[in-house]
Protein backbone atom coordinates (compact mmCIF):
# COMPACT_ATOMS: atom_id res chain seq x y z
CA MET A 1 13.35 101.10 -18.79
CA SER A 2 10.15 99.10 -18.52
CA ALA A 3 6.54 100.22 -18.60
CA ILE A 4 3.89 98.57 -16.46
CA SER A 5 0.21 99.09 -15.90
CA VAL A 6 -0.86 99.23 -12.26
CA ARG A 7 -4.40 99.28 -10.96
CA LEU A 8 -4.79 101.41 -7.84
CA PRO A 9 -7.86 102.13 -5.77
CA ASP A 10 -9.11 105.62 -6.55
CA SER A 11 -8.29 106.86 -3.05
CA VAL A 12 -4.67 105.65 -3.26
CA HIS A 13 -4.27 107.15 -6.75
CA THR A 14 -5.63 110.49 -5.57
CA MET A 15 -3.39 110.62 -2.50
CA ALA A 16 -0.31 109.59 -4.48
CA ARG A 17 -1.01 112.25 -7.12
CA GLU A 18 -1.48 114.91 -4.41
CA ILE A 19 1.73 114.00 -2.60
CA ALA A 20 3.69 113.90 -5.86
CA GLY A 21 2.33 117.35 -6.69
CA GLU A 22 3.37 118.70 -3.30
CA ASP A 23 6.91 117.40 -3.96
CA HIS A 24 6.85 118.85 -7.49
CA ILE A 25 7.49 115.46 -9.09
CA SER A 26 5.49 113.37 -11.52
CA LEU A 27 3.26 110.56 -10.33
CA ASN A 28 5.54 108.20 -12.26
CA GLN A 29 8.58 109.44 -10.29
CA PHE A 30 6.67 109.14 -7.03
CA ILE A 31 5.62 105.53 -7.70
CA ALA A 32 9.13 104.55 -8.90
CA SER A 33 10.58 106.04 -5.71
CA ALA A 34 8.02 104.25 -3.54
CA VAL A 35 8.81 100.91 -5.16
CA ALA A 36 12.55 101.53 -4.76
CA GLU A 37 12.05 102.33 -1.05
CA LYS A 38 10.11 99.10 -0.51
CA ILE A 39 12.76 97.05 -2.32
CA SER A 40 15.46 98.69 -0.21
CA ALA A 41 13.61 97.91 3.02
CA LEU A 42 13.04 94.27 2.10
CA THR A 43 16.56 93.62 0.85
CA THR A 44 18.04 95.32 3.93
CA GLU A 45 15.97 93.05 6.17
CA THR A 46 17.21 89.98 4.27
CA TYR A 47 20.82 91.21 4.38
CA LEU A 48 20.71 91.87 8.13
CA ALA A 49 19.12 88.47 8.81
CA ALA A 50 21.91 86.77 6.84
CA ARG A 51 24.57 88.76 8.73
CA ALA A 52 22.95 87.87 12.06
CA ALA A 53 22.94 84.18 11.14
CA ARG A 54 26.71 84.36 10.58
CA GLY A 55 27.29 86.07 13.91
CA SER A 56 29.06 84.48 16.84
CA VAL A 57 28.10 85.05 20.46
CA ASN A 58 31.62 84.11 21.55
CA LYS A 59 33.22 86.68 19.22
CA PHE A 60 30.74 89.30 20.46
CA HIS A 61 31.66 88.63 24.08
CA ALA A 62 35.38 88.68 23.20
CA ALA A 63 35.00 92.09 21.54
CA LEU A 64 32.90 93.39 24.43
CA ALA A 65 35.56 92.26 26.92
CA LYS A 66 38.04 94.63 25.22
CA VAL A 67 35.91 97.69 26.02
CA PRO A 68 37.38 99.52 29.02
CA ALA A 69 35.19 99.68 32.12
CA VAL A 70 35.07 103.46 32.58
CA GLU A 71 32.29 105.85 33.43
CA PRO A 72 30.80 107.64 30.42
CA ASP A 73 31.50 111.31 29.86
CA GLU A 74 28.96 113.63 31.46
CA CYS A 75 27.43 114.48 28.08
CA ASP A 76 26.89 110.76 27.35
CA ARG A 77 25.03 109.95 30.55
CA LEU A 78 21.33 109.21 30.49
């Protein structure tokens, strides 16, 4: 595990400490979780962009053509 020193504005530090306290976790755990969430969001965006770039409109239309043209069930109607 690594240790880092982070400078936070007083207001951000206070809010983070309060929220961590409400969740009954340490400020360290709260910050580690926040960083992990941000990493997850950014890597997911990159992953989805790469998947989209590999996509094929023709394959999408071919798959869509296989869907039967039936009315949705009553519970699925908007």
